[in-house]
N, C-alpha and C. Protein backbone atom coordinates (compact mmCIF):
# COMPACT_ATOMS: atom_id res chain seq x y z
N MET A 1 43.97 -23.61 5.49
CA MET A 1 44.51 -22.60 6.41
C MET A 1 45.17 -23.27 7.63
N THR A 2 44.48 -24.31 8.13
CA THR A 2 45.01 -24.99 9.31
C THR A 2 46.36 -25.63 9.00
N LYS A 3 46.48 -26.26 7.82
CA LYS A 3 47.73 -26.89 7.43
C LYS A 3 48.85 -25.86 7.31
N ARG A 4 48.50 -24.68 6.76
CA ARG A 4 49.51 -23.62 6.61
C ARG A 4 49.98 -23.13 7.98
N MET A 5 49.04 -22.96 8.91
CA MET A 5 49.41 -22.50 10.25
C MET A 5 50.27 -23.53 10.97
N LEU A 6 49.91 -24.83 10.80
CA LEU A 6 50.73 -25.87 11.42
C LEU A 6 52.13 -25.91 10.84
N LEU A 7 52.19 -25.71 9.51
CA LEU A 7 53.49 -25.69 8.85
C LEU A 7 54.31 -24.50 9.32
N LEU A 8 53.65 -23.34 9.48
CA LEU A 8 54.34 -22.13 9.96
C LEU A 8 54.84 -22.33 11.39
N LEU A 9 54.01 -22.92 12.25
CA LEU A 9 54.40 -23.18 13.63
C LEU A 9 55.58 -24.15 13.69
N TYR A 10 55.57 -25.13 12.79
CA TYR A 10 56.66 -26.11 12.76
C TYR A 10 57.99 -25.42 12.45
N PHE A 11 57.99 -24.56 11.40
CA PHE A 11 59.23 -23.88 11.03
C PHE A 11 59.68 -22.89 12.11
N CYS A 12 58.72 -22.25 12.78
CA CYS A 12 59.08 -21.34 13.87
C CYS A 12 59.73 -22.09 15.02
N ALA A 13 59.12 -23.25 15.37
CA ALA A 13 59.68 -24.06 16.45
C ALA A 13 61.07 -24.57 16.07
N TRP A 14 61.23 -24.97 14.81
CA TRP A 14 62.53 -25.46 14.33
C TRP A 14 63.58 -24.36 14.40
N GLY A 15 63.19 -23.13 14.02
CA GLY A 15 64.12 -22.00 14.07
C GLY A 15 64.51 -21.64 15.48
N ILE A 16 63.54 -21.68 16.41
CA ILE A 16 63.85 -21.36 17.81
C ILE A 16 64.77 -22.41 18.41
N ALA A 17 64.49 -23.69 18.10
CA ALA A 17 65.35 -24.76 18.60
C ALA A 17 66.76 -24.63 18.07
N GLY A 18 66.87 -24.28 16.78
CA GLY A 18 68.20 -24.11 16.19
C GLY A 18 68.95 -22.95 16.81
N ALA A 19 68.24 -21.85 17.05
CA ALA A 19 68.88 -20.68 17.68
C ALA A 19 69.30 -21.00 19.10
N SER A 20 68.44 -21.76 19.80
CA SER A 20 68.76 -22.13 21.18
C SER A 20 70.00 -23.01 21.24
N ALA A 21 70.13 -23.90 20.23
CA ALA A 21 71.28 -24.80 20.20
C ALA A 21 72.59 -24.04 20.01
N GLN A 22 72.50 -22.88 19.33
CA GLN A 22 73.69 -22.09 19.10
C GLN A 22 73.92 -21.05 20.20
N ASN A 23 73.01 -21.00 21.19
CA ASN A 23 73.09 -19.98 22.23
C ASN A 23 74.10 -20.40 23.29
N PHE A 24 75.38 -20.27 22.97
CA PHE A 24 76.43 -20.56 23.94
C PHE A 24 77.48 -19.47 23.83
N ASN A 25 78.31 -19.38 24.84
CA ASN A 25 79.33 -18.33 24.88
C ASN A 25 80.48 -18.69 23.96
N HIS A 26 80.79 -17.83 23.00
CA HIS A 26 81.86 -18.13 22.05
C HIS A 26 83.25 -17.93 22.65
N PHE A 27 83.36 -17.06 23.65
CA PHE A 27 84.67 -16.80 24.24
C PHE A 27 84.94 -17.77 25.38
N ASN A 28 86.21 -18.15 25.54
CA ASN A 28 86.60 -19.00 26.66
C ASN A 28 87.86 -18.45 27.31
N PHE A 29 87.98 -18.66 28.62
CA PHE A 29 89.13 -18.20 29.39
C PHE A 29 89.50 -19.26 30.42
N ASN A 30 90.74 -19.24 30.84
CA ASN A 30 91.19 -20.15 31.90
C ASN A 30 92.36 -19.54 32.65
N VAL A 31 92.45 -19.89 33.92
CA VAL A 31 93.58 -19.48 34.75
C VAL A 31 93.83 -20.58 35.77
N GLY A 32 95.09 -20.90 36.02
CA GLY A 32 95.38 -21.96 36.97
C GLY A 32 96.84 -22.03 37.35
N GLY A 33 97.13 -22.94 38.21
CA GLY A 33 98.51 -23.14 38.67
C GLY A 33 98.64 -24.54 39.23
N GLY A 34 99.86 -24.98 39.41
CA GLY A 34 100.03 -26.33 39.92
C GLY A 34 101.47 -26.71 40.14
N TYR A 35 101.72 -27.99 39.99
CA TYR A 35 103.02 -28.57 40.33
C TYR A 35 103.38 -29.60 39.27
N GLY A 36 104.66 -29.79 39.03
CA GLY A 36 105.06 -30.77 38.04
C GLY A 36 106.56 -31.00 38.06
N GLY A 37 107.03 -31.74 37.08
CA GLY A 37 108.45 -32.04 37.00
C GLY A 37 108.93 -32.05 35.57
N ALA A 38 110.24 -31.88 35.40
CA ALA A 38 110.86 -31.94 34.08
C ALA A 38 111.29 -33.38 33.81
N THR A 39 111.42 -33.72 32.54
CA THR A 39 111.88 -35.05 32.14
C THR A 39 113.12 -34.91 31.26
N GLY A 40 113.69 -36.02 30.84
CA GLY A 40 114.86 -35.97 29.97
C GLY A 40 116.09 -35.44 30.68
N ASP A 41 116.98 -34.82 29.90
CA ASP A 41 118.24 -34.31 30.46
C ASP A 41 118.01 -33.19 31.47
N VAL A 42 117.04 -32.32 31.21
CA VAL A 42 116.75 -31.23 32.15
C VAL A 42 116.18 -31.81 33.45
N GLY A 43 115.41 -32.89 33.34
CA GLY A 43 114.85 -33.52 34.52
C GLY A 43 115.90 -34.11 35.43
N LYS A 44 117.07 -34.47 34.89
CA LYS A 44 118.16 -35.00 35.72
C LYS A 44 118.78 -33.92 36.60
N LEU A 45 118.57 -32.66 36.23
CA LEU A 45 119.20 -31.55 36.95
C LEU A 45 118.22 -30.78 37.84
N THR A 46 116.92 -30.95 37.60
CA THR A 46 115.91 -30.18 38.34
C THR A 46 114.96 -31.12 39.06
N GLY A 47 114.27 -30.55 40.06
CA GLY A 47 113.27 -31.30 40.81
C GLY A 47 111.88 -30.79 40.51
N ALA A 48 110.90 -31.28 41.27
CA ALA A 48 109.52 -30.85 41.10
C ALA A 48 109.40 -29.36 41.43
N SER A 49 108.50 -28.67 40.70
CA SER A 49 108.37 -27.23 40.90
C SER A 49 106.98 -26.77 40.50
N TYR A 50 106.72 -25.47 40.68
CA TYR A 50 105.39 -24.91 40.43
C TYR A 50 105.28 -24.32 39.02
N ASN A 51 104.05 -24.12 38.60
CA ASN A 51 103.78 -23.51 37.30
C ASN A 51 102.49 -22.69 37.37
N GLY A 52 102.32 -21.81 36.41
CA GLY A 52 101.09 -21.03 36.29
C GLY A 52 100.74 -20.86 34.83
N VAL A 53 99.44 -20.75 34.53
CA VAL A 53 99.00 -20.62 33.15
C VAL A 53 97.77 -19.73 33.08
N VAL A 54 97.66 -18.97 31.99
CA VAL A 54 96.49 -18.14 31.74
C VAL A 54 96.21 -18.19 30.25
N GLY A 55 94.95 -18.21 29.88
CA GLY A 55 94.63 -18.31 28.45
C GLY A 55 93.25 -17.81 28.11
N GLY A 56 93.00 -17.71 26.82
CA GLY A 56 91.70 -17.30 26.33
C GLY A 56 91.58 -17.63 24.86
N GLY A 57 90.34 -17.81 24.40
CA GLY A 57 90.17 -18.16 23.00
C GLY A 57 88.73 -18.14 22.54
N TRP A 58 88.41 -18.99 21.57
CA TRP A 58 87.13 -18.96 20.87
C TRP A 58 86.56 -20.37 20.80
N ASN A 59 85.27 -20.50 21.13
CA ASN A 59 84.56 -21.77 21.02
C ASN A 59 83.85 -21.84 19.66
N PHE A 60 84.21 -22.83 18.86
CA PHE A 60 83.51 -23.03 17.59
C PHE A 60 82.15 -23.69 17.80
N SER A 61 82.07 -24.51 18.84
CA SER A 61 80.83 -25.18 19.20
C SER A 61 80.90 -25.47 20.69
N ARG A 62 79.92 -26.21 21.20
CA ARG A 62 79.95 -26.55 22.63
C ARG A 62 81.08 -27.50 22.97
N ARG A 63 81.62 -28.18 21.97
CA ARG A 63 82.66 -29.17 22.22
C ARG A 63 84.04 -28.79 21.72
N VAL A 64 84.11 -28.02 20.67
CA VAL A 64 85.39 -27.74 20.02
C VAL A 64 85.73 -26.25 20.14
N GLY A 65 87.00 -25.97 20.45
CA GLY A 65 87.44 -24.59 20.56
C GLY A 65 88.94 -24.47 20.42
N VAL A 66 89.41 -23.24 20.41
CA VAL A 66 90.83 -22.95 20.31
C VAL A 66 91.18 -21.91 21.37
N LYS A 67 92.39 -21.98 21.92
CA LYS A 67 92.78 -20.98 22.92
C LYS A 67 94.29 -20.72 22.85
N ALA A 68 94.63 -19.46 23.07
CA ALA A 68 96.03 -19.05 23.20
C ALA A 68 96.37 -19.03 24.68
N GLU A 69 97.56 -19.55 25.04
CA GLU A 69 97.93 -19.64 26.44
C GLU A 69 99.36 -19.18 26.68
N TYR A 70 99.55 -18.60 27.87
CA TYR A 70 100.89 -18.29 28.35
C TYR A 70 101.15 -19.17 29.56
N MET A 71 102.30 -19.84 29.59
CA MET A 71 102.67 -20.68 30.73
C MET A 71 104.01 -20.25 31.31
N TYR A 72 104.08 -20.21 32.62
CA TYR A 72 105.33 -19.99 33.34
C TYR A 72 105.62 -21.25 34.15
N TYR A 73 106.80 -21.81 33.96
CA TYR A 73 107.20 -23.01 34.71
C TYR A 73 108.54 -22.72 35.37
N ASN A 74 108.60 -22.84 36.68
CA ASN A 74 109.84 -22.59 37.42
C ASN A 74 110.75 -23.81 37.35
N LEU A 75 112.01 -23.58 36.98
CA LEU A 75 113.01 -24.65 36.97
C LEU A 75 113.73 -24.65 38.32
N SER A 76 113.40 -25.61 39.15
CA SER A 76 113.97 -25.69 40.49
C SER A 76 115.14 -26.68 40.47
N PHE A 77 116.35 -26.16 40.47
CA PHE A 77 117.53 -27.02 40.38
C PHE A 77 117.76 -27.80 41.68
N LYS A 78 118.25 -29.01 41.53
CA LYS A 78 118.55 -29.85 42.68
C LYS A 78 119.69 -29.26 43.50
N ASP A 79 119.70 -29.57 44.79
CA ASP A 79 120.73 -29.05 45.68
C ASP A 79 122.12 -29.46 45.21
N SER A 80 122.25 -30.67 44.69
CA SER A 80 123.55 -31.13 44.23
C SER A 80 124.08 -30.26 43.09
N VAL A 81 123.18 -29.76 42.25
CA VAL A 81 123.58 -28.87 41.16
C VAL A 81 123.98 -27.51 41.71
N LYS A 82 123.17 -26.97 42.61
CA LYS A 82 123.43 -25.63 43.15
C LYS A 82 124.67 -25.58 44.04
N LEU A 83 125.01 -26.69 44.66
CA LEU A 83 126.18 -26.72 45.54
C LEU A 83 127.46 -27.10 44.81
N ASP A 84 127.39 -28.06 43.91
CA ASP A 84 128.61 -28.61 43.32
C ASP A 84 128.92 -28.11 41.91
N GLN A 85 127.88 -27.77 41.13
CA GLN A 85 128.11 -27.45 39.73
C GLN A 85 127.89 -25.98 39.38
N VAL A 86 126.77 -25.41 39.84
CA VAL A 86 126.44 -24.03 39.49
C VAL A 86 125.88 -23.33 40.73
N PRO A 87 126.73 -22.68 41.53
CA PRO A 87 126.25 -22.00 42.74
C PRO A 87 125.18 -20.95 42.41
N GLY A 88 124.08 -21.00 43.16
CA GLY A 88 123.00 -20.02 42.97
C GLY A 88 122.16 -20.26 41.74
N ALA A 89 122.14 -21.46 41.21
CA ALA A 89 121.41 -21.74 39.97
C ALA A 89 119.91 -21.59 40.15
N ASN A 90 119.27 -20.94 39.21
CA ASN A 90 117.81 -20.86 39.15
C ASN A 90 117.40 -20.66 37.70
N GLY A 91 116.17 -20.92 37.38
CA GLY A 91 115.74 -20.79 35.99
C GLY A 91 114.25 -20.86 35.83
N ARG A 92 113.80 -20.75 34.58
CA ARG A 92 112.38 -20.81 34.28
C ARG A 92 112.18 -21.19 32.82
N LEU A 93 110.99 -21.67 32.53
CA LEU A 93 110.56 -21.95 31.17
C LEU A 93 109.28 -21.19 30.93
N GLN A 94 109.22 -20.42 29.83
CA GLN A 94 108.02 -19.68 29.47
C GLN A 94 107.57 -20.12 28.08
N SER A 95 106.26 -20.07 27.86
CA SER A 95 105.75 -20.46 26.55
C SER A 95 104.53 -19.64 26.16
N ALA A 96 104.37 -19.46 24.87
CA ALA A 96 103.16 -18.87 24.28
C ALA A 96 102.70 -19.85 23.21
N THR A 97 101.54 -20.48 23.42
CA THR A 97 101.09 -21.54 22.54
C THR A 97 99.66 -21.30 22.06
N LEU A 98 99.34 -21.93 20.95
CA LEU A 98 97.98 -21.94 20.41
C LEU A 98 97.51 -23.39 20.42
N ASN A 99 96.36 -23.64 21.07
CA ASN A 99 95.94 -25.02 21.32
C ASN A 99 94.49 -25.26 20.91
N LEU A 100 94.24 -26.44 20.39
CA LEU A 100 92.90 -26.89 20.03
C LEU A 100 92.41 -27.86 21.10
N PHE A 101 91.14 -27.74 21.51
CA PHE A 101 90.62 -28.66 22.52
C PHE A 101 89.27 -29.22 22.11
N TYR A 102 88.98 -30.40 22.65
CA TYR A 102 87.70 -31.07 22.43
C TYR A 102 87.18 -31.51 23.79
N GLN A 103 85.99 -31.07 24.14
CA GLN A 103 85.46 -31.37 25.47
C GLN A 103 84.09 -32.03 25.38
N VAL A 104 83.82 -32.90 26.34
CA VAL A 104 82.55 -33.63 26.39
C VAL A 104 82.02 -33.53 27.81
N SER A 105 80.79 -33.08 27.94
CA SER A 105 80.15 -33.03 29.26
C SER A 105 79.58 -34.39 29.59
N GLN A 106 79.89 -34.87 30.78
CA GLN A 106 79.37 -36.14 31.23
C GLN A 106 78.04 -35.92 31.96
N GLN A 107 77.40 -37.00 32.34
CA GLN A 107 76.15 -36.89 33.06
C GLN A 107 76.37 -36.17 34.38
N GLY A 108 75.55 -35.20 34.66
CA GLY A 108 75.72 -34.41 35.87
C GLY A 108 76.59 -33.19 35.63
N LYS A 109 77.48 -32.89 36.58
CA LYS A 109 78.29 -31.67 36.51
C LYS A 109 79.70 -31.90 35.98
N THR A 110 80.09 -33.12 35.77
CA THR A 110 81.48 -33.40 35.37
C THR A 110 81.64 -33.41 33.85
N GLY A 111 82.89 -33.27 33.41
CA GLY A 111 83.22 -33.31 31.99
C GLY A 111 84.66 -33.72 31.80
N VAL A 112 85.01 -34.07 30.59
CA VAL A 112 86.39 -34.42 30.25
C VAL A 112 86.77 -33.70 28.97
N TYR A 113 88.07 -33.49 28.77
CA TYR A 113 88.53 -32.85 27.54
C TYR A 113 89.95 -33.28 27.22
N VAL A 114 90.29 -33.13 25.95
CA VAL A 114 91.67 -33.32 25.50
C VAL A 114 92.11 -32.01 24.86
N ILE A 115 93.41 -31.72 24.92
CA ILE A 115 93.93 -30.46 24.41
C ILE A 115 95.35 -30.67 23.88
N GLY A 116 95.72 -29.93 22.87
CA GLY A 116 97.07 -30.03 22.32
C GLY A 116 97.33 -28.91 21.33
N GLY A 117 98.59 -28.63 21.12
CA GLY A 117 98.95 -27.56 20.18
C GLY A 117 100.45 -27.33 20.15
N GLY A 118 100.84 -26.14 19.76
CA GLY A 118 102.26 -25.82 19.66
C GLY A 118 102.49 -24.33 19.77
N GLY A 119 103.76 -23.95 19.84
CA GLY A 119 104.09 -22.54 19.96
C GLY A 119 105.55 -22.31 20.23
N TRP A 120 105.84 -21.24 20.93
CA TRP A 120 107.20 -20.80 21.18
C TRP A 120 107.54 -20.95 22.65
N TYR A 121 108.74 -21.49 22.93
CA TYR A 121 109.20 -21.73 24.30
C TYR A 121 110.54 -21.04 24.51
N GLN A 122 110.75 -20.50 25.71
CA GLN A 122 112.04 -19.91 26.07
C GLN A 122 112.48 -20.43 27.44
N ARG A 123 113.69 -20.96 27.48
CA ARG A 123 114.28 -21.42 28.74
C ARG A 123 115.34 -20.41 29.16
N TYR A 124 115.27 -19.95 30.41
CA TYR A 124 116.23 -18.98 30.93
C TYR A 124 116.83 -19.51 32.22
N VAL A 125 118.16 -19.43 32.34
CA VAL A 125 118.84 -19.86 33.56
C VAL A 125 119.79 -18.75 34.01
N ASP A 126 120.00 -18.70 35.32
CA ASP A 126 120.86 -17.67 35.91
C ASP A 126 121.66 -18.29 37.04
N ALA A 127 122.79 -17.67 37.38
CA ALA A 127 123.65 -18.16 38.47
C ALA A 127 124.67 -17.08 38.80
N ARG A 128 125.41 -17.31 39.88
CA ARG A 128 126.50 -16.40 40.21
C ARG A 128 127.56 -16.50 39.12
N SER A 129 127.99 -15.35 38.63
CA SER A 129 128.98 -15.33 37.55
C SER A 129 130.29 -15.95 38.02
N GLN A 130 130.85 -16.84 37.18
CA GLN A 130 132.13 -17.44 37.52
C GLN A 130 132.96 -17.66 36.26
N PHE A 131 134.26 -17.37 36.37
CA PHE A 131 135.18 -17.52 35.25
C PHE A 131 135.66 -18.97 35.20
N LEU A 132 135.63 -19.55 33.99
CA LEU A 132 136.04 -20.93 33.78
C LEU A 132 137.28 -20.94 32.89
N PRO A 133 138.46 -21.14 33.46
CA PRO A 133 139.70 -21.16 32.66
C PRO A 133 139.70 -22.30 31.66
N GLN A 134 140.43 -22.12 30.59
CA GLN A 134 140.57 -23.19 29.60
C GLN A 134 141.15 -24.44 30.26
N GLY A 135 140.55 -25.59 29.95
CA GLY A 135 141.02 -26.85 30.53
C GLY A 135 140.26 -27.28 31.77
N THR A 136 139.31 -26.42 32.26
CA THR A 136 138.50 -26.81 33.41
C THR A 136 137.60 -27.99 33.02
N VAL A 137 137.46 -28.95 33.92
CA VAL A 137 136.59 -30.10 33.65
C VAL A 137 135.13 -29.64 33.64
N CYS A 138 134.41 -29.95 32.56
CA CYS A 138 133.01 -29.51 32.41
C CYS A 138 132.08 -30.30 33.33
N GLN A 139 131.05 -29.62 33.81
CA GLN A 139 130.01 -30.23 34.61
C GLN A 139 128.73 -30.41 33.77
N PRO A 140 127.92 -31.45 34.03
CA PRO A 140 126.73 -31.70 33.22
C PRO A 140 125.78 -30.51 33.12
N ALA A 141 125.59 -29.79 34.22
CA ALA A 141 124.63 -28.68 34.21
C ALA A 141 125.08 -27.51 33.35
N TRP A 142 126.35 -27.43 33.04
CA TRP A 142 126.86 -26.29 32.29
C TRP A 142 126.30 -26.22 30.87
N GLN A 143 125.76 -27.36 30.39
CA GLN A 143 125.16 -27.34 29.05
C GLN A 143 124.02 -26.33 28.96
N LEU A 144 123.29 -26.17 30.06
CA LEU A 144 122.17 -25.22 30.07
C LEU A 144 122.65 -23.78 30.04
N TRP A 145 123.89 -23.56 30.38
CA TRP A 145 124.45 -22.20 30.37
C TRP A 145 125.25 -21.94 29.08
N GLY A 146 125.20 -22.85 28.14
CA GLY A 146 125.85 -22.66 26.84
C GLY A 146 127.36 -22.71 26.87
N ILE A 147 127.94 -23.41 27.85
CA ILE A 147 129.39 -23.52 27.94
C ILE A 147 129.90 -24.53 26.91
N ASP A 148 130.90 -24.13 26.13
CA ASP A 148 131.49 -25.01 25.12
C ASP A 148 132.55 -25.92 25.74
N CYS A 149 132.40 -27.20 25.50
CA CYS A 149 133.36 -28.18 26.01
C CYS A 149 133.91 -29.02 24.87
N THR A 150 135.12 -29.50 25.04
CA THR A 150 135.74 -30.35 24.02
C THR A 150 135.22 -31.79 24.15
N THR A 151 135.59 -32.63 23.20
CA THR A 151 135.19 -34.04 23.26
C THR A 151 135.78 -34.75 24.47
N SER A 152 136.85 -34.21 25.02
CA SER A 152 137.45 -34.79 26.22
C SER A 152 136.87 -34.16 27.49
N ASN A 153 135.74 -33.42 27.34
CA ASN A 153 134.99 -32.83 28.45
C ASN A 153 135.77 -31.76 29.21
N LEU A 154 136.46 -30.91 28.45
CA LEU A 154 137.20 -29.79 29.04
C LEU A 154 136.70 -28.48 28.43
N VAL A 155 136.73 -27.39 29.24
CA VAL A 155 136.33 -26.07 28.75
C VAL A 155 137.36 -25.56 27.76
N ASP A 156 136.88 -25.15 26.59
CA ASP A 156 137.78 -24.62 25.56
C ASP A 156 136.96 -23.79 24.56
N PRO A 157 137.26 -22.47 24.48
CA PRO A 157 138.27 -21.69 25.21
C PRO A 157 137.78 -21.29 26.60
N ALA A 158 138.53 -20.43 27.28
CA ALA A 158 138.11 -19.93 28.59
C ALA A 158 136.80 -19.17 28.43
N GLN A 159 135.88 -19.34 29.37
CA GLN A 159 134.55 -18.73 29.27
C GLN A 159 134.08 -18.28 30.64
N THR A 160 133.03 -17.44 30.63
CA THR A 160 132.41 -16.98 31.87
C THR A 160 131.00 -17.53 31.96
N LEU A 161 130.69 -18.20 33.04
CA LEU A 161 129.35 -18.74 33.25
C LEU A 161 128.48 -17.66 33.90
N THR A 162 127.40 -17.30 33.25
CA THR A 162 126.49 -16.29 33.76
C THR A 162 125.08 -16.63 33.28
N SER A 163 124.18 -15.67 33.17
CA SER A 163 122.83 -15.98 32.71
C SER A 163 122.85 -16.41 31.24
N HIS A 164 121.86 -17.22 30.87
CA HIS A 164 121.81 -17.74 29.50
C HIS A 164 120.37 -18.10 29.15
N SER A 165 119.98 -17.83 27.91
CA SER A 165 118.63 -18.18 27.46
C SER A 165 118.70 -18.95 26.15
N ALA A 166 117.72 -19.82 25.95
CA ALA A 166 117.62 -20.60 24.72
C ALA A 166 116.14 -20.70 24.35
N SER A 167 115.84 -20.48 23.08
CA SER A 167 114.45 -20.50 22.63
C SER A 167 114.27 -21.47 21.48
N GLY A 168 113.02 -21.85 21.26
CA GLY A 168 112.72 -22.75 20.16
C GLY A 168 111.25 -23.12 20.12
N GLY A 169 110.82 -23.67 19.01
CA GLY A 169 109.45 -24.13 18.89
C GLY A 169 109.22 -25.40 19.71
N GLY A 170 107.97 -25.74 19.90
CA GLY A 170 107.65 -26.92 20.66
C GLY A 170 106.19 -27.29 20.55
N TYR A 171 105.81 -28.34 21.24
CA TYR A 171 104.43 -28.81 21.18
C TYR A 171 103.99 -29.27 22.57
N ASN A 172 102.68 -29.47 22.72
CA ASN A 172 102.14 -29.97 23.98
C ASN A 172 100.88 -30.77 23.71
N PHE A 173 100.56 -31.68 24.62
CA PHE A 173 99.30 -32.42 24.54
C PHE A 173 98.95 -32.96 25.92
N GLY A 174 97.66 -33.15 26.16
CA GLY A 174 97.21 -33.67 27.44
C GLY A 174 95.71 -33.68 27.54
N GLY A 175 95.22 -33.70 28.75
CA GLY A 175 93.77 -33.74 28.97
C GLY A 175 93.44 -33.45 30.41
N GLY A 176 92.14 -33.33 30.68
CA GLY A 176 91.74 -33.02 32.04
C GLY A 176 90.28 -33.35 32.30
N ILE A 177 89.87 -33.10 33.53
CA ILE A 177 88.49 -33.27 33.94
C ILE A 177 87.98 -31.94 34.47
N THR A 178 86.68 -31.72 34.36
CA THR A 178 86.08 -30.48 34.83
C THR A 178 84.90 -30.78 35.75
N TYR A 179 84.60 -29.80 36.60
CA TYR A 179 83.43 -29.89 37.48
C TYR A 179 82.73 -28.54 37.46
N ARG A 180 81.47 -28.54 37.06
CA ARG A 180 80.72 -27.29 36.91
C ARG A 180 80.39 -26.70 38.27
N ILE A 181 80.78 -25.41 38.48
CA ILE A 181 80.50 -24.69 39.72
C ILE A 181 79.27 -23.81 39.55
N THR A 182 79.23 -23.06 38.43
CA THR A 182 78.08 -22.24 38.09
C THR A 182 77.69 -22.57 36.65
N LYS A 183 76.74 -21.82 36.11
CA LYS A 183 76.28 -22.07 34.74
C LYS A 183 77.43 -21.99 33.74
N ARG A 184 78.38 -21.07 33.97
CA ARG A 184 79.47 -20.88 33.02
C ARG A 184 80.83 -21.33 33.55
N MET A 185 81.02 -21.31 34.85
CA MET A 185 82.35 -21.56 35.40
C MET A 185 82.54 -23.01 35.82
N ARG A 186 83.73 -23.53 35.50
CA ARG A 186 84.08 -24.90 35.87
C ARG A 186 85.46 -24.94 36.53
N PHE A 187 85.58 -25.80 37.50
CA PHE A 187 86.88 -26.10 38.10
C PHE A 187 87.50 -27.22 37.27
N TYR A 188 88.81 -27.12 37.00
CA TYR A 188 89.45 -28.16 36.20
C TYR A 188 90.77 -28.62 36.80
N VAL A 189 91.12 -29.87 36.50
CA VAL A 189 92.42 -30.44 36.83
C VAL A 189 92.96 -31.06 35.54
N GLU A 190 94.18 -30.71 35.20
CA GLU A 190 94.72 -31.09 33.89
C GLU A 190 96.17 -31.54 34.01
N GLY A 191 96.53 -32.53 33.23
CA GLY A 191 97.92 -32.93 33.08
C GLY A 191 98.33 -32.75 31.63
N ARG A 192 99.47 -32.10 31.41
CA ARG A 192 99.87 -31.85 30.02
C ARG A 192 101.39 -31.95 29.86
N TYR A 193 101.81 -32.60 28.79
CA TYR A 193 103.23 -32.75 28.47
C TYR A 193 103.65 -31.66 27.49
N HIS A 194 104.76 -30.98 27.80
CA HIS A 194 105.33 -29.94 26.94
C HIS A 194 106.73 -30.35 26.52
N HIS A 195 107.03 -30.22 25.24
CA HIS A 195 108.38 -30.51 24.75
C HIS A 195 108.83 -29.34 23.87
N ALA A 196 109.97 -28.74 24.25
CA ALA A 196 110.50 -27.58 23.53
C ALA A 196 111.85 -27.91 22.92
N TYR A 197 112.03 -27.52 21.65
CA TYR A 197 113.29 -27.77 20.95
C TYR A 197 114.28 -26.63 21.22
N THR A 198 114.58 -26.42 22.50
CA THR A 198 115.52 -25.38 22.89
C THR A 198 116.95 -25.81 22.56
N ALA A 199 117.80 -24.83 22.29
CA ALA A 199 119.18 -25.11 21.91
C ALA A 199 119.93 -25.79 23.06
N ASP A 200 121.03 -26.46 22.73
CA ASP A 200 121.87 -27.18 23.68
C ASP A 200 121.19 -28.46 24.17
N LEU A 201 120.09 -28.30 24.89
CA LEU A 201 119.31 -29.44 25.37
C LEU A 201 117.83 -29.16 25.15
N HIS A 202 117.10 -30.15 24.66
CA HIS A 202 115.65 -29.99 24.58
C HIS A 202 115.08 -29.94 26.00
N THR A 203 113.95 -29.25 26.16
CA THR A 203 113.34 -29.09 27.47
C THR A 203 111.97 -29.74 27.48
N SER A 204 111.74 -30.67 28.40
CA SER A 204 110.45 -31.36 28.52
C SER A 204 109.96 -31.25 29.96
N VAL A 205 108.70 -30.85 30.12
CA VAL A 205 108.10 -30.75 31.45
C VAL A 205 106.70 -31.33 31.41
N PHE A 206 106.23 -31.78 32.56
CA PHE A 206 104.88 -32.32 32.68
C PHE A 206 104.22 -31.71 33.92
N PRO A 207 103.59 -30.55 33.79
CA PRO A 207 102.90 -29.94 34.93
C PRO A 207 101.48 -30.48 35.08
N VAL A 208 101.03 -30.58 36.32
CA VAL A 208 99.63 -30.87 36.63
C VAL A 208 99.03 -29.58 37.17
N THR A 209 97.98 -29.08 36.51
CA THR A 209 97.45 -27.76 36.78
C THR A 209 96.00 -27.85 37.24
N ALA A 210 95.64 -27.02 38.21
CA ALA A 210 94.25 -26.91 38.66
C ALA A 210 93.86 -25.44 38.58
N GLY A 211 92.61 -25.18 38.20
CA GLY A 211 92.19 -23.79 38.10
C GLY A 211 90.74 -23.68 37.68
N LEU A 212 90.42 -22.56 37.03
CA LEU A 212 89.05 -22.26 36.63
C LEU A 212 88.98 -22.04 35.12
N ARG A 213 87.91 -22.54 34.51
CA ARG A 213 87.61 -22.33 33.08
C ARG A 213 86.22 -21.72 32.99
N TRP A 214 86.08 -20.74 32.08
CA TRP A 214 84.75 -20.15 31.88
C TRP A 214 84.63 -19.59 30.47
C-alpha cells in the first residue's frame, strides 16, 4: 500500500509540475515607436525619421512565438530634395508582416530575442503637382514618383508629377533586449532591418524601436 501511495504521489507531483511548466500566457502584444533611417537609393533622398509599430500574436512556448505587426515609417525627404527636385515632398512606408521570434530570459530581469519574417509593404509619396514637359531633364528623386525617363535622362512623354504609391513583398530581421517591469510586461529596445521589393526602387529602412511587450 505504501509503495502504491508513493507511486501515486509521484505521478501527481509530476502532473502538477508539467501543468505549471505550461502555465504561461499564450497571447502576446507589443507597441512602440522610435527613430531610424533608410538605406540604399531611398536613403540617398531621405534623412532620419520616426516610426511606430503595433502587433500581437501567439506564444507556442516560453521562448518561441509568432506575431502579426503593422509598421508605419515616415519618409522624411532631405531639404535638397524638397527645394531643388520635388517641392513639398513627403512620404511614408507601411507594412503588414508575420514574424517568428525566439526569446531567452537572462539572469535577473533582462532578456534577449531575435525576430524575423515577411509580408506586404507599401511606399507612398506626395508633392505639389507639377507638369513636366517632354524633354525636361529628370531628377533622381522623380523615380519614386514613377516618372518615365529616357536613357538620355529626359522626360518622355510629357507627364505630371503628383502623388504615387508602390507596393511589394518584403522581409525583415533583427533583435532586441528586454527588461521586465511587472510579471507580464517588459520594456524593449529593438533594431530591425526591413527590405521591400517596391516598384521603381526597392525600399530599405532600419528603425530602432522602444516600447512595451506583454
